Amino acid sequence: MKKFYVFLLLVLPAVLLTVNTGASPFAFATEDETDEELVDVETEDAAVVSEDAESEDEPETTKSPDADTFLLFTRPLHSSGSQLELPAGYPVEFLVGFANKNQFEDFIVETVEASFRYSMDFNYYIQNFSAVAFNREVKPGHEATVSYSFLPSESFAGRPFGLNIALNYRDSRGNQFSEAVFNETVQITEIDEGLDGETFFLYVFLAAIVILLLVLGQQFLGSYGKRKRTTTTRKVVETGTTNSKDVDYEWIPAETLKQIQNSPKGGKSSPKQSPRQRKAAKQAS
């Protein structure tokens, strides 16, 4: 019995708390499912809000039914049906034509502007070019042509971009219109020049190095040849007449011969005489 009372004292409070609160083991799972449903609703609202924001960021393009526009690229030339290629670092020029088909209202061509867009999303701007203001009035039934030019950066070479050319104009009642006369993907190309400044100076530097090496080689060969010639040349030594039998003594006076024979060296060397003595010996003979 004691064990039974102890068991009741331990279990009864837990049962009473459970019955009073009305909680069940499955209550927490239900609350989790409710939270997940709330999160899903919030994400859908966020997606809707983001779509609305993107739609608001898109530029509005309006065109008057009483006006026609034309576009002609003059530099570089472009044929319809092919992708336009623009050379990097060179000016691009084109003409925009405007025709007023209305018979009663005037139109005023205000500005022309161009911009590079991301090729995968034209809403993303890469580079904006300056807008040129014309403010040219076009009478009913008349046409007008304006020119525009811009310079693609050399850093864009080899990549595709979206080119947007917009013409802004208004009618005599003040209604504003903005028409995209060109909105396509173009390719920025790099033109290989025949000889640029860096290549020219590189060739000059290489030519100077070659000339310097030739001069140094010539000097080295010249000094080496001189040293070789000095070692091969021999000194010429005059030995004179060593055989006394080959000497002709007939033209020598007799007194001179006697003096040579009576000399201490035994006639091997001639005595030294002054010019006066030689002259006197010749007169005596």
C-alpha atoms as a PDB file:
ATOM      1  CA  MET A   1       0.000   0.000   0.000  1.00  0.00           C
ATOM      2  CA  LYS A   2       2.780   2.388   0.802  1.00  0.00           C
ATOM      3  CA  LYS A   3       4.251   1.869  -2.623  1.00  0.00           C
ATOM      4  CA  PHE A   4       0.851   2.541  -4.178  1.00  0.00           C
ATOM      5  CA  TYR A   5       0.461   5.837  -2.298  1.00  0.00           C
ATOM      6  CA  VAL A   6       3.941   6.938  -3.323  1.00  0.00           C
ATOM      7  CA  PHE A   7       3.116   6.181  -6.924  1.00  0.00           C
ATOM      8  CA  LEU A   8      -0.092   8.227  -6.731  1.00  0.00           C
ATOM      9  CA  LEU A   9       1.709  11.145  -5.156  1.00  0.00           C
ATOM     10  CA  LEU A  10       4.195  11.210  -8.035  1.00  0.00           C
ATOM     11  CA  VAL A  11       1.792  10.640 -10.930  1.00  0.00           C
ATOM     12  CA  LEU A  12      -1.291  12.555  -9.782  1.00  0.00           C
ATOM     13  CA  PRO A  13       0.266  16.090  -9.913  1.00  0.00           C
ATOM     14  CA  ALA A  14       1.509  15.491 -13.437  1.00  0.00           C
ATOM     15  CA  VAL A  15      -1.934  14.312 -14.577  1.00  0.00           C
ATOM     16  CA  LEU A  16      -3.646  17.299 -13.004  1.00  0.00           C
ATOM     17  CA  LEU A  17      -1.285  19.770 -14.677  1.00  0.00           C
ATOM     18  CA  THR A  18      -1.843  18.148 -18.025  1.00  0.00           C
ATOM     19  CA  VAL A  19      -5.613  18.241 -17.748  1.00  0.00           C
ATOM     20  CA  ASN A  20      -5.748  21.855 -16.537  1.00  0.00           C
ATOM     21  CA  THR A  21      -3.481  23.323 -19.236  1.00  0.00           C
ATOM     22  CA  GLY A  22      -5.004  21.322 -22.056  1.00  0.00           C
ATOM     23  CA  ALA A  23      -1.607  20.790 -23.567  1.00  0.00           C
ATOM     24  CA  SER A  24      -0.867  17.742 -25.652  1.00  0.00           C
ATOM     25  CA  PRO A  25       2.298  16.266 -27.124  1.00  0.00           C
ATOM     26  CA  PHE A  26       1.186  17.375 -30.583  1.00  0.00           C
ATOM     27  CA  ALA A  27       0.794  21.078 -29.750  1.00  0.00           C
ATOM     28  CA  PHE A  28       4.354  21.985 -30.570  1.00  0.00           C
ATOM     29  CA  ALA A  29       4.209  20.372 -33.986  1.00  0.00           C
ATOM     30  CA  THR A  30       1.108  22.411 -34.830  1.00  0.00           C
ATOM     31  CA  GLU A  31       2.811  25.646 -33.818  1.00  0.00           C
ATOM     32  CA  ASP A  32       5.794  24.815 -36.034  1.00  0.00           C
ATOM     33  CA  GLU A  33       3.558  24.265 -39.042  1.00  0.00           C
ATOM     34  CA  THR A  34       1.898  27.627 -38.422  1.00  0.00           C
ATOM     35  CA  ASP A  35       5.270  29.341 -38.331  1.00  0.00           C
ATOM     36  CA  GLU A  36       6.307  27.731 -41.599  1.00  0.00           C
ATOM     37  CA  GLU A  37       3.106  28.900 -43.260  1.00  0.00           C
ATOM     38  CA  LEU A  38       3.740  32.433 -42.079  1.00  0.00           C
ATOM     39  CA  VAL A  39       7.285  32.369 -43.449  1.00  0.00           C
ATOM     40  CA  ASP A  40       6.060  31.174 -46.821  1.00  0.00           C
ATOM     41  CA  VAL A  41       3.579  34.016 -47.024  1.00  0.00           C
ATOM     42  CA  GLU A  42       6.251  36.555 -46.197  1.00  0.00           C
ATOM     43  CA  THR A  43       8.580  35.280 -48.953  1.00  0.00           C
ATOM     44  CA  GLU A  44       5.817  35.458 -51.524  1.00  0.00           C
ATOM     45  CA  ASP A  45       5.065  39.043 -50.521  1.00  0.00           C
ATOM     46  CA  ALA A  46       8.741  39.898 -50.760  1.00  0.00           C
ATOM     47  CA  ALA A  47       8.920  38.382 -54.237  1.00  0.00           C
ATOM     48  CA  VAL A  48       5.919  40.409 -55.338  1.00  0.00           C
ATOM     49  CA  VAL A  49       7.450  43.589 -53.932  1.00  0.00           C
ATOM     50  CA  SER A  50      10.765  42.935 -55.704  1.00  0.00           C
ATOM     51  CA  GLU A  51       8.987  42.361 -59.032  1.00  0.00           C
ATOM     52  CA  ASP A  52       7.145  45.642 -58.620  1.00  0.00           C
ATOM     53  CA  ALA A  53      10.419  47.426 -57.874  1.00  0.00           C
ATOM     54  CA  GLU A  54      12.047  45.955 -60.981  1.00  0.00           C
ATOM     55  CA  SER A  55       9.103  46.979 -63.118  1.00  0.00           C
ATOM     56  CA  GLU A  56       9.380  50.518 -61.768  1.00  0.00           C
ATOM     57  CA  ASP A  57      13.130  50.629 -62.610  1.00  0.00           C
ATOM     58  CA  GLU A  58      12.532  49.749 -66.263  1.00  0.00           C
ATOM     59  CA  PRO A  59      12.684  52.848 -68.477  1.00  0.00           C
ATOM     60  CA  GLU A  60       9.483  53.787 -70.185  1.00  0.00           C
ATOM     61  CA  THR A  61       9.704  54.106 -73.957  1.00  0.00           C
ATOM     62  CA  THR A  62       7.043  56.188 -75.590  1.00  0.00           C
ATOM     63  CA  LYS A  63       6.538  56.902 -79.265  1.00  0.00           C
ATOM     64  CA  SER A  64       4.251  59.335 -80.954  1.00  0.00           C
ATOM     65  CA  PRO A  65       1.986  57.857 -83.645  1.00  0.00           C
ATOM     66  CA  ASP A  66       2.529  61.008 -85.717  1.00  0.00           C
ATOM     67  CA  ALA A  67       6.332  60.631 -85.921  1.00  0.00           C
ATOM     68  CA  ASP A  68       8.726  58.250 -87.648  1.00  0.00           C
ATOM     69  CA  THR A  69      12.410  57.838 -86.786  1.00  0.00           C
ATOM     70  CA  PHE A  70      15.323  56.467 -88.800  1.00  0.00           C
ATOM     71  CA  LEU A  71      18.913  55.558 -87.969  1.00  0.00           C
ATOM     72  CA  LEU A  72      21.950  55.357 -90.252  1.00  0.00           C
ATOM     73  CA  PHE A  73      25.491  54.490 -89.125  1.00  0.00           C
ATOM     74  CA  THR A  74      28.082  56.409 -91.118  1.00  0.00           C
ATOM     75  CA  ARG A  75      31.169  55.277 -89.197  1.00  0.00           C
ATOM     76  CA  PRO A  76      31.473  52.341 -89.273  1.00  0.00           C
ATOM     77  CA  LEU A  77      29.074  51.330 -92.014  1.00  0.00           C
ATOM     78  CA  HIS A  78      26.478  48.808 -90.956  1.00  0.00           C
ATOM     79  CA  SER A  79      24.281  46.579 -93.053  1.00  0.00           C
ATOM     80  CA  SER A  80      20.938  45.372 -91.741  1.00  0.00           C
ATOM     81  CA  GLY A  81      20.753  41.742 -90.697  1.00  0.00           C
ATOM     82  CA  SER A  82      24.268  41.516 -89.264  1.00  0.00           C
ATOM     83  CA  GLN A  83      25.669  42.299 -85.845  1.00  0.00           C
ATOM     84  CA  LEU A  84      27.144  45.751 -85.495  1.00  0.00           C
ATOM     85  CA  GLU A  85      30.881  45.801 -84.711  1.00  0.00           C
ATOM     86  CA  LEU A  86      32.345  48.953 -83.167  1.00  0.00           C
ATOM     87  CA  PRO A  87      36.136  49.477 -83.096  1.00  0.00           C
ATOM     88  CA  ALA A  88      37.484  50.238 -79.633  1.00  0.00           C
ATOM     89  CA  GLY A  89      39.201  53.611 -79.322  1.00  0.00           C
ATOM     90  CA  TYR A  90      37.663  54.995 -82.549  1.00  0.00           C
ATOM     91  CA  PRO A  91      34.699  57.382 -82.836  1.00  0.00           C
ATOM     92  CA  VAL A  92      31.322  56.006 -83.837  1.00  0.00           C
ATOM     93  CA  GLU A  93      29.101  58.335 -85.885  1.00  0.00           C
ATOM     94  CA  PHE A  94      25.478  57.968 -86.945  1.00  0.00           C
ATOM     95  CA  LEU A  95      22.532  60.029 -88.196  1.00  0.00           C
ATOM     96  CA  VAL A  96      19.054  60.075 -86.668  1.00  0.00           C
ATOM     97  CA  GLY A  97      16.194  61.051 -88.963  1.00  0.00           C
ATOM     98  CA  PHE A  98      12.841  62.381 -87.739  1.00  0.00           C
ATOM     99  CA  ALA A  99       9.706  62.702 -89.863  1.00  0.00           C
ATOM    100  CA  ASN A 100       6.624  64.663 -88.738  1.00  0.00           C
ATOM    101  CA  LYS A 101       3.509  62.968 -90.165  1.00  0.00           C
ATOM    102  CA  ASN A 102       1.075  65.259 -88.385  1.00  0.00           C
ATOM    103  CA  GLN A 103      -0.546  67.898 -90.560  1.00  0.00           C
ATOM    104  CA  PHE A 104      -1.299  70.388 -87.782  1.00  0.00           C
ATOM    105  CA  GLU A 105       1.223  70.095 -84.933  1.00  0.00           C
ATOM    106  CA  ASP A 106       4.889  70.851 -84.771  1.00  0.00           C
ATOM    107  CA  PHE A 107       7.478  68.603 -83.134  1.00  0.00           C
ATOM    108  CA  ILE A 108      10.697  69.647 -81.440  1.00  0.00           C
ATOM    109  CA  VAL A 109      13.641  67.243 -81.474  1.00  0.00           C
ATOM    110  CA  GLU A 110      15.284  67.875 -78.111  1.00  0.00           C
ATOM    111  CA  THR A 111      18.162  65.481 -77.350  1.00  0.00           C
ATOM    112  CA  VAL A 112      19.874  62.313 -78.505  1.00  0.00           C
ATOM    113  CA  GLU A 113      21.671  60.093 -76.004  1.00  0.00           C
ATOM    114  CA  ALA A 114      23.446  56.736 -76.090  1.00  0.00           C
ATOM    115  CA  SER A 115      24.514  54.214 -73.473  1.00  0.00           C
ATOM    116  CA  PHE A 116      26.137  50.805 -73.148  1.00  0.00           C
ATOM    117  CA  ARG A 117      24.077  48.194 -71.316  1.00  0.00           C
ATOM    118  CA  TYR A 118      24.812  44.737 -69.966  1.00  0.00           C
ATOM    119  CA  SER A 119      24.179  42.324 -72.828  1.00  0.00           C
ATOM    120  CA  MET A 120      22.215  39.895 -70.623  1.00  0.00           C
ATOM    121  CA  ASP A 121      20.090  42.582 -68.959  1.00  0.00           C
ATOM    122  CA  PHE A 122      19.538  45.894 -70.738  1.00  0.00           C
ATOM    123  CA  ASN A 123      18.337  47.486 -67.496  1.00  0.00           C
ATOM    124  CA  TYR A 124      21.905  47.405 -66.157  1.00  0.00           C
ATOM    125  CA  TYR A 125      23.978  50.391 -67.345  1.00  0.00           C
ATOM    126  CA  ILE A 126      27.663  49.983 -68.194  1.00  0.00           C
ATOM    127  CA  GLN A 127      28.476  53.466 -69.535  1.00  0.00           C
ATOM    128  CA  ASN A 128      26.390  56.540 -70.293  1.00  0.00           C
ATOM    129  CA  PHE A 129      27.452  58.909 -73.049  1.00  0.00           C
ATOM    130  CA  SER A 130      26.690  62.606 -73.103  1.00  0.00           C
ATOM    131  CA  ALA A 131      23.258  63.695 -74.266  1.00  0.00           C
ATOM    132  CA  VAL A 132      23.455  66.197 -77.135  1.00  0.00           C
ATOM    133  CA  ALA A 133      20.743  68.878 -77.194  1.00  0.00           C
ATOM    134  CA  PHE A 134      19.412  70.020 -80.593  1.00  0.00           C
ATOM    135  CA  ASN A 135      15.997  71.625 -79.917  1.00  0.00           C
ATOM    136  CA  ARG A 136      15.201  71.559 -83.630  1.00  0.00           C
ATOM    137  CA  GLU A 137      11.668  72.376 -84.699  1.00  0.00           C
ATOM    138  CA  VAL A 138      10.093  70.136 -87.323  1.00  0.00           C
ATOM    139  CA  LYS A 139       7.093  71.535 -89.178  1.00  0.00           C
ATOM    140  CA  PRO A 140       4.098  69.355 -90.174  1.00  0.00           C
ATOM    141  CA  GLY A 141       4.991  67.126 -93.102  1.00  0.00           C
ATOM    142  CA  HIS A 142       8.706  67.911 -92.838  1.00  0.00           C
ATOM    143  CA  GLU A 143      11.780  65.895 -91.840  1.00  0.00           C
ATOM    144  CA  ALA A 144      14.953  66.651 -89.884  1.00  0.00           C
ATOM    145  CA  THR A 145      18.262  64.870 -89.441  1.00  0.00           C
ATOM    146  CA  VAL A 146      20.665  65.172 -86.509  1.00  0.00           C
ATOM    147  CA  SER A 147      24.112  63.642 -86.029  1.00  0.00           C
ATOM    148  CA  TYR A 148      25.658  62.048 -82.963  1.00  0.00           C
ATOM    149  CA  SER A 149      29.023  60.475 -82.166  1.00  0.00           C
ATOM    150  CA  PHE A 150      30.647  58.743 -79.221  1.00  0.00           C
ATOM    151  CA  LEU A 151      33.939  56.977 -78.451  1.00  0.00           C
ATOM    152  CA  PRO A 152      33.973  53.391 -77.115  1.00  0.00           C
ATOM    153  CA  SER A 153      36.653  52.813 -74.512  1.00  0.00           C
ATOM    154  CA  GLU A 154      39.613  50.611 -75.420  1.00  0.00           C
ATOM    155  CA  SER A 155      39.067  48.610 -72.228  1.00  0.00           C
ATOM    156  CA  PHE A 156      35.802  47.262 -73.715  1.00  0.00           C
ATOM    157  CA  ALA A 157      37.571  45.545 -76.627  1.00  0.00           C
ATOM    158  CA  GLY A 158      36.607  41.950 -77.253  1.00  0.00           C
ATOM    159  CA  ARG A 159      33.310  42.007 -75.323  1.00  0.00           C
ATOM    160  CA  PRO A 160      29.642  42.327 -76.360  1.00  0.00           C
ATOM    161  CA  PHE A 161      27.486  45.134 -74.990  1.00  0.00           C
ATOM    162  CA  GLY A 162      23.953  46.322 -75.464  1.00  0.00           C
ATOM    163  CA  LEU A 163      23.810  49.661 -77.285  1.00  0.00           C
ATOM    164  CA  ASN A 164      20.776  51.860 -76.619  1.00  0.00           C
ATOM    165  CA  ILE A 165      20.253  55.041 -78.654  1.00  0.00           C
ATOM    166  CA  ALA A 166      17.297  57.168 -77.508  1.00  0.00           C
ATOM    167  CA  LEU A 167      15.691  60.137 -79.244  1.00  0.00           C
ATOM    168  CA  ASN A 168      13.790  62.572 -76.997  1.00  0.00           C
ATOM    169  CA  TYR A 169      11.244  64.916 -78.585  1.00  0.00           C
ATOM    170  CA  ARG A 170       7.962  66.663 -77.767  1.00  0.00           C
ATOM    171  CA  ASP A 171       4.972  68.044 -79.592  1.00  0.00           C
ATOM    172  CA  SER A 172       3.521  71.552 -79.575  1.00  0.00           C
ATOM    173  CA  ARG A 173       1.233  70.702 -76.638  1.00  0.00           C
ATOM    174  CA  GLY A 174       4.185  69.765 -74.431  1.00  0.00           C
ATOM    175  CA  ASN A 175       3.814  65.983 -74.505  1.00  0.00           C
ATOM    176  CA  GLN A 176       7.191  64.338 -74.025  1.00  0.00           C
ATOM    177  CA  PHE A 177       8.269  61.276 -76.041  1.00  0.00           C
ATOM    178  CA  SER A 178      11.364  59.100 -75.755  1.00  0.00           C
ATOM    179  CA  GLU A 179      11.952  56.519 -78.471  1.00  0.00           C
ATOM    180  CA  ALA A 180      14.748  53.937 -78.639  1.00  0.00           C
ATOM    181  CA  VAL A 181      15.880  54.166 -82.251  1.00  0.00           C
ATOM    182  CA  PHE A 182      18.500  51.440 -81.664  1.00  0.00           C
ATOM    183  CA  ASN A 183      18.482  48.809 -78.920  1.00  0.00           C
ATOM    184  CA  GLU A 184      20.622  45.816 -79.905  1.00  0.00           C
ATOM    185  CA  THR A 185      23.751  43.932 -78.868  1.00  0.00           C
ATOM    186  CA  VAL A 186      26.973  45.113 -80.489  1.00  0.00           C
ATOM    187  CA  GLN A 187      30.500  43.697 -80.473  1.00  0.00           C
ATOM    188  CA  ILE A 188      33.436  45.898 -79.466  1.00  0.00           C
ATOM    189  CA  THR A 189      36.411  44.882 -81.585  1.00  0.00           C
ATOM    190  CA  GLU A 190      40.112  45.638 -81.322  1.00  0.00           C
ATOM    191  CA  ILE A 191      41.886  46.854 -84.449  1.00  0.00           C
ATOM    192  CA  ASP A 192      45.487  45.669 -84.954  1.00  0.00           C
ATOM    193  CA  GLU A 193      47.546  48.589 -86.181  1.00  0.00           C
ATOM    194  CA  GLY A 194      50.547  48.081 -88.420  1.00  0.00           C
ATOM    195  CA  LEU A 195      53.062  49.882 -86.201  1.00  0.00           C
ATOM    196  CA  ASP A 196      52.274  51.676 -82.995  1.00  0.00           C
ATOM    197  CA  GLY A 197      54.523  53.846 -80.839  1.00  0.00           C
ATOM    198  CA  GLU A 198      55.535  51.119 -78.406  1.00  0.00           C
ATOM    199  CA  THR A 199      56.530  48.730 -81.189  1.00  0.00           C
ATOM    200  CA  PHE A 200      58.532  51.458 -82.941  1.00  0.00           C
ATOM    201  CA  PHE A 201      60.556  52.321 -79.848  1.00  0.00           C
ATOM    202  CA  LEU A 202      61.123  48.606 -79.197  1.00  0.00           C
ATOM    203  CA  TYR A 203      62.616  48.196 -82.669  1.00  0.00           C
ATOM    204  CA  VAL A 204      64.799  51.280 -82.153  1.00  0.00           C
ATOM    205  CA  PHE A 205      66.054  49.881 -78.831  1.00  0.00           C
ATOM    206  CA  LEU A 206      66.883  46.508 -80.390  1.00  0.00           C
ATOM    207  CA  ALA A 207      68.709  48.200 -83.287  1.00  0.00           C
ATOM    208  CA  ALA A 208      70.801  50.257 -80.825  1.00  0.00           C
ATOM    209  CA  ILE A 209      71.761  47.074 -78.941  1.00  0.00           C
ATOM    210  CA  VAL A 210      72.808  45.349 -82.182  1.00  0.00           C
ATOM    211  CA  ILE A 211      74.938  48.340 -83.250  1.00  0.00           C
ATOM    212  CA  LEU A 212      76.609  48.466 -79.828  1.00  0.00           C
ATOM    213  CA  LEU A 213      77.459  44.758 -80.019  1.00  0.00           C
ATOM    214  CA  LEU A 214      78.940  45.203 -83.508  1.00  0.00           C
ATOM    215  CA  VAL A 215      81.127  48.083 -82.350  1.00  0.00           C
ATOM    216  CA  LEU A 216      82.376  46.132 -79.334  1.00  0.00           C
ATOM    217  CA  GLY A 217      83.075  43.088 -81.520  1.00  0.00           C
ATOM    218  CA  GLN A 218      85.022  45.188 -84.032  1.00  0.00           C
ATOM    219  CA  GLN A 219      87.163  46.717 -81.300  1.00  0.00           C
ATOM    220  CA  PHE A 220      87.875  43.316 -79.777  1.00  0.00           C
ATOM    221  CA  LEU A 221      88.880  41.807 -83.121  1.00  0.00           C
ATOM    222  CA  GLY A 222      91.064  44.827 -83.937  1.00  0.00           C
ATOM    223  CA  SER A 223      92.997  44.632 -80.659  1.00  0.00           C
ATOM    224  CA  TYR A 224      93.380  40.861 -80.963  1.00  0.00           C
ATOM    225  CA  GLY A 225      94.796  41.186 -84.520  1.00  0.00           C
ATOM    226  CA  LYS A 226      97.327  43.796 -83.448  1.00  0.00           C
ATOM    227  CA  ARG A 227      98.626  41.606 -80.655  1.00  0.00           C
ATOM    228  CA  LYS A 228      98.944  38.677 -83.012  1.00  0.00           C
ATOM    229  CA  ARG A 229     100.925  40.697 -85.573  1.00  0.00           C
ATOM    230  CA  THR A 230     103.380  41.989 -82.944  1.00  0.00           C
ATOM    231  CA  THR A 231     104.155  38.445 -81.783  1.00  0.00           C
ATOM    232  CA  THR A 232     104.777  37.092 -85.327  1.00  0.00           C
ATOM    233  CA  THR A 233     107.092  39.920 -86.533  1.00  0.00           C
ATOM    234  CA  ARG A 234     110.816  39.243 -86.159  1.00  0.00           C
ATOM    235  CA  LYS A 235     113.623  41.692 -85.664  1.00  0.00           C
ATOM    236  CA  VAL A 236     116.004  41.908 -88.677  1.00  0.00           C
ATOM    237  CA  VAL A 237     119.650  41.996 -87.587  1.00  0.00           C
ATOM    238  CA  GLU A 238     122.327  43.080 -90.048  1.00  0.00           C
ATOM    239  CA  THR A 239     125.338  40.766 -89.752  1.00  0.00           C
ATOM    240  CA  GLY A 240     127.511  42.383 -92.412  1.00  0.00           C
ATOM    241  CA  THR A 241     130.243  40.531 -94.266  1.00  0.00           C
ATOM    242  CA  THR A 242     131.794  37.767 -92.219  1.00  0.00           C
ATOM    243  CA  ASN A 243     133.901  36.194 -94.985  1.00  0.00           C
ATOM    244  CA  SER A 244     136.956  38.324 -95.920  1.00  0.00           C
ATOM    245  CA  LYS A 245     137.432  36.491 -99.229  1.00  0.00           C
ATOM    246  CA  ASP A 246     134.236  37.954-100.609  1.00  0.00           C
ATOM    247  CA  VAL A 247     135.433  41.548-100.105  1.00  0.00           C
ATOM    248  CA  ASP A 248     136.820  43.457-103.109  1.00  0.00           C
ATOM    249  CA  TYR A 249     139.875  45.485-102.021  1.00  0.00           C
ATOM    250  CA  GLU A 250     140.871  46.794-105.470  1.00  0.00           C
ATOM    251  CA  TRP A 251     139.224  50.187-105.055  1.00  0.00           C
ATOM    252  CA  ILE A 252     140.906  50.765-101.689  1.00  0.00           C
ATOM    253  CA  PRO A 253     144.269  52.661-101.844  1.00  0.00           C
ATOM    254  CA  ALA A 254     147.437  50.711-101.070  1.00  0.00           C
ATOM    255  CA  GLU A 255     148.317  52.825 -98.031  1.00  0.00           C
ATOM    256  CA  THR A 256     144.909  52.168 -96.586  1.00  0.00           C
ATOM    257  CA  LEU A 257     145.309  48.452 -97.167  1.00  0.00           C
ATOM    258  CA  LYS A 258     148.652  48.531 -95.393  1.00  0.00           C
ATOM    259  CA  GLN A 259     147.137  50.287 -92.442  1.00  0.00           C
ATOM    260  CA  ILE A 260     144.328  47.714 -92.343  1.00  0.00           C
ATOM    261  CA  GLN A 261     146.803  44.872 -92.411  1.00  0.00           C
ATOM    262  CA  ASN A 262     148.952  46.474 -89.720  1.00  0.00           C
ATOM    263  CA  SER A 263     145.960  47.068 -87.434  1.00  0.00           C
ATOM    264  CA  PRO A 264     145.862  45.162 -84.099  1.00  0.00           C
ATOM    265  CA  LYS A 265     142.761  43.158 -85.179  1.00  0.00           C
ATOM    266  CA  GLY A 266     144.551  41.661 -88.159  1.00  0.00           C
ATOM    267  CA  GLY A 267     142.617  43.412 -90.854  1.00  0.00           C
ATOM    268  CA  LYS A 268     139.313  42.337 -89.574  1.00  0.00           C
ATOM    269  CA  SER A 269     138.244  45.899 -88.989  1.00  0.00           C
ATOM    270  CA  SER A 270     139.036  49.052 -90.846  1.00  0.00           C
ATOM    271  CA  PRO A 271     140.833  51.911 -89.006  1.00  0.00           C
ATOM    272  CA  LYS A 272     138.946  55.007 -88.248  1.00  0.00           C
ATOM    273  CA  GLN A 273     140.071  57.923 -90.468  1.00  0.00           C
ATOM    274  CA  SER A 274     138.830  61.406 -90.767  1.00  0.00           C
ATOM    275  CA  PRO A 275     137.589  62.685 -94.102  1.00  0.00           C
ATOM    276  CA  ARG A 276     140.799  64.777 -94.537  1.00  0.00           C
ATOM    277  CA  GLN A 277     143.003  61.734 -94.149  1.00  0.00           C
ATOM    278  CA  ARG A 278     140.984  59.824 -96.713  1.00  0.00           C
ATOM    279  CA  LYS A 279     141.247  62.693 -99.143  1.00  0.00           C
ATOM    280  CA  ALA A 280     145.007  62.956 -98.648  1.00  0.00           C
ATOM    281  CA  ALA A 281     145.399  59.214 -99.160  1.00  0.00           C
ATOM    282  CA  LYS A 282     143.488  59.388-102.412  1.00  0.00           C
ATOM    283  CA  GLN A 283     145.678  62.268-103.683  1.00  0.00           C
ATOM    284  CA  ALA A 284     148.858  60.396-102.757  1.00  0.00           C
ATOM    285  CA  SER A 285     147.733  57.327-104.667  1.00  0.00           C
END
